[in-house]
Amino acid sequence: MKVEFAPLSVPLQRRLQTASVVQWIFSFLGLAQCCTAAFIALFFTRFWLLSALYAAWWLIDREKPSKGGRRIHVLRNCIIWRYMRDYFPITLMKTAELDPRQNYLLGYHPHGVLAAGAFLNFCTEASGFSILFPGITPHLMMLSLWFRIPFFRDYVMSGGLIPSDKESASYVLQKPEGGNLLAIIVGGAQEALDARPGSFTLLLKNRKGFVRLAIQHGTPLVPAFSFGENDIFDQVKNPKDSWLRRIQHRLQQIMGISLPLFHARGIFQYSFGLIPYRRPICTVVGKPIPVQKKHRPSEEEVDQVHQKYLNELSNLFEKHKAKYNVPEDSHLEFI
C-alpha cells in the first residue's frame, strides 16, 4: 500500500521559505557571537567540561580548515536549503562541462551583501551542483576570521567552506586526483560596499592574486557571474569619499570584514527589515580558461591571463544578461 502525503499549501510553503532565510541570516549575523558566548559561559557552569573538551579538540583539529575542511553531506542536503532556494528562487546554470580529472579555480562575481548565491550553490546541494557537475567537489573560500570561532568553525566547514588564505587554496588545487573546484569571491568584503540593485561594479581590475595562484598550479580558471546577487538588499548610500564609506573602510582594515548598512523587508511586513527581497538569483558558470603552469610567473604573464579572464567574464555577462532583464546599455565596470 502506497501512502501519499498531501502537498503543502502555498502559504505554508512561503512561511517555510521565509523561515529558512531567517535561519541563514541568523547563522551569519548572530550564530558566531552566540557560539563564542556559549563557549565562554559554559566554563562558569557545571558543564564546564564540555568547553574544556572542545578546547582540547580544537587544538588537535586546528589545521583541519586549511586541509580541505570537513564537509557533512547530511547537512549539505538538508531540506532547509531547498526552502531557501525556492524563496528567491536561486538557480545554477552551466555553460560547459568540467572534467573531473582536473582541478578548477572559479571566480565568483559579484559578492553581493551576504553572497547568498555563492553559499547556496557551492555549500549546499539545493541547486543540484553534484548533478550538474558530476565528480566535482566544490570548496568555497571564506574569511579566515570565522574559523577561529568555537563551534561555528565546525558549522561552516560542514558545507565545504575553507579559509581564504594561500595555504588552504593550494591544498585543494594541488590534489593530484583532480575533481576539485575552488570558488573564490574575488571582490571580497570590500566589494560588498558597492552591492545594491542595478549595480554591476566589480572590484577586479587590480585583483590578480587568484590568477597568479591558478598559474602556479596550472589550474584552469572558470568565470561565474550571479545575476540578481546585488538585487536582494538595498544599502544605505555610501558614495566614494563620504564619511560613511571612510568609516566602513577603516573598520574593514581593523576587523577584516566590511559592514554594509543594508535593509530590505521584514518577516511580517514588506516595508523595512533585514530579510532579503524575493528576487531571483541565477549563477551562470562559464567555460574553463586553460592556464599553463609556471611556478614563478612574471607580472606580464599574470597580466595577460588576468586580461583574458576579464574578457571572458565580460562575454559571459553580455551573452546572458538579456535573459535576466538586465538593460541593454548596462555593462560590467571593473574598478
Foldseek 3Di string as FASTA:
>chain_A
DDDDDDDDDPVVLLLLLLVLLVVVVCLPPPVLVVLQVVLVVCCVDPNVVVSVVLVVVCVVCVCQLLQQFAAAQCVLADCSLLSPCVQLPEEEAEDDADDQQAEAEEAEDACAQPNVNCCSQQQHCNRPNCVRHPNAHEAEEDAPVQCVGGPSVNVSSRSRYHHPDLSSVCSQRQDNRGRYYYYYNQQAQLSNQVQAPLDQEGAQPPRLPSLLSCQQSQHWYKYKYKPCSSYFKHFDDDDPPDPVSVVQVVVCVVPVHGDTHIWAQDSVTGDTGRRTDSHYIYMYIYDTDGHHHDNDDDPVNSVVVSVVNVVRNQVVCQVCVVVRVRDNPDGHHYD
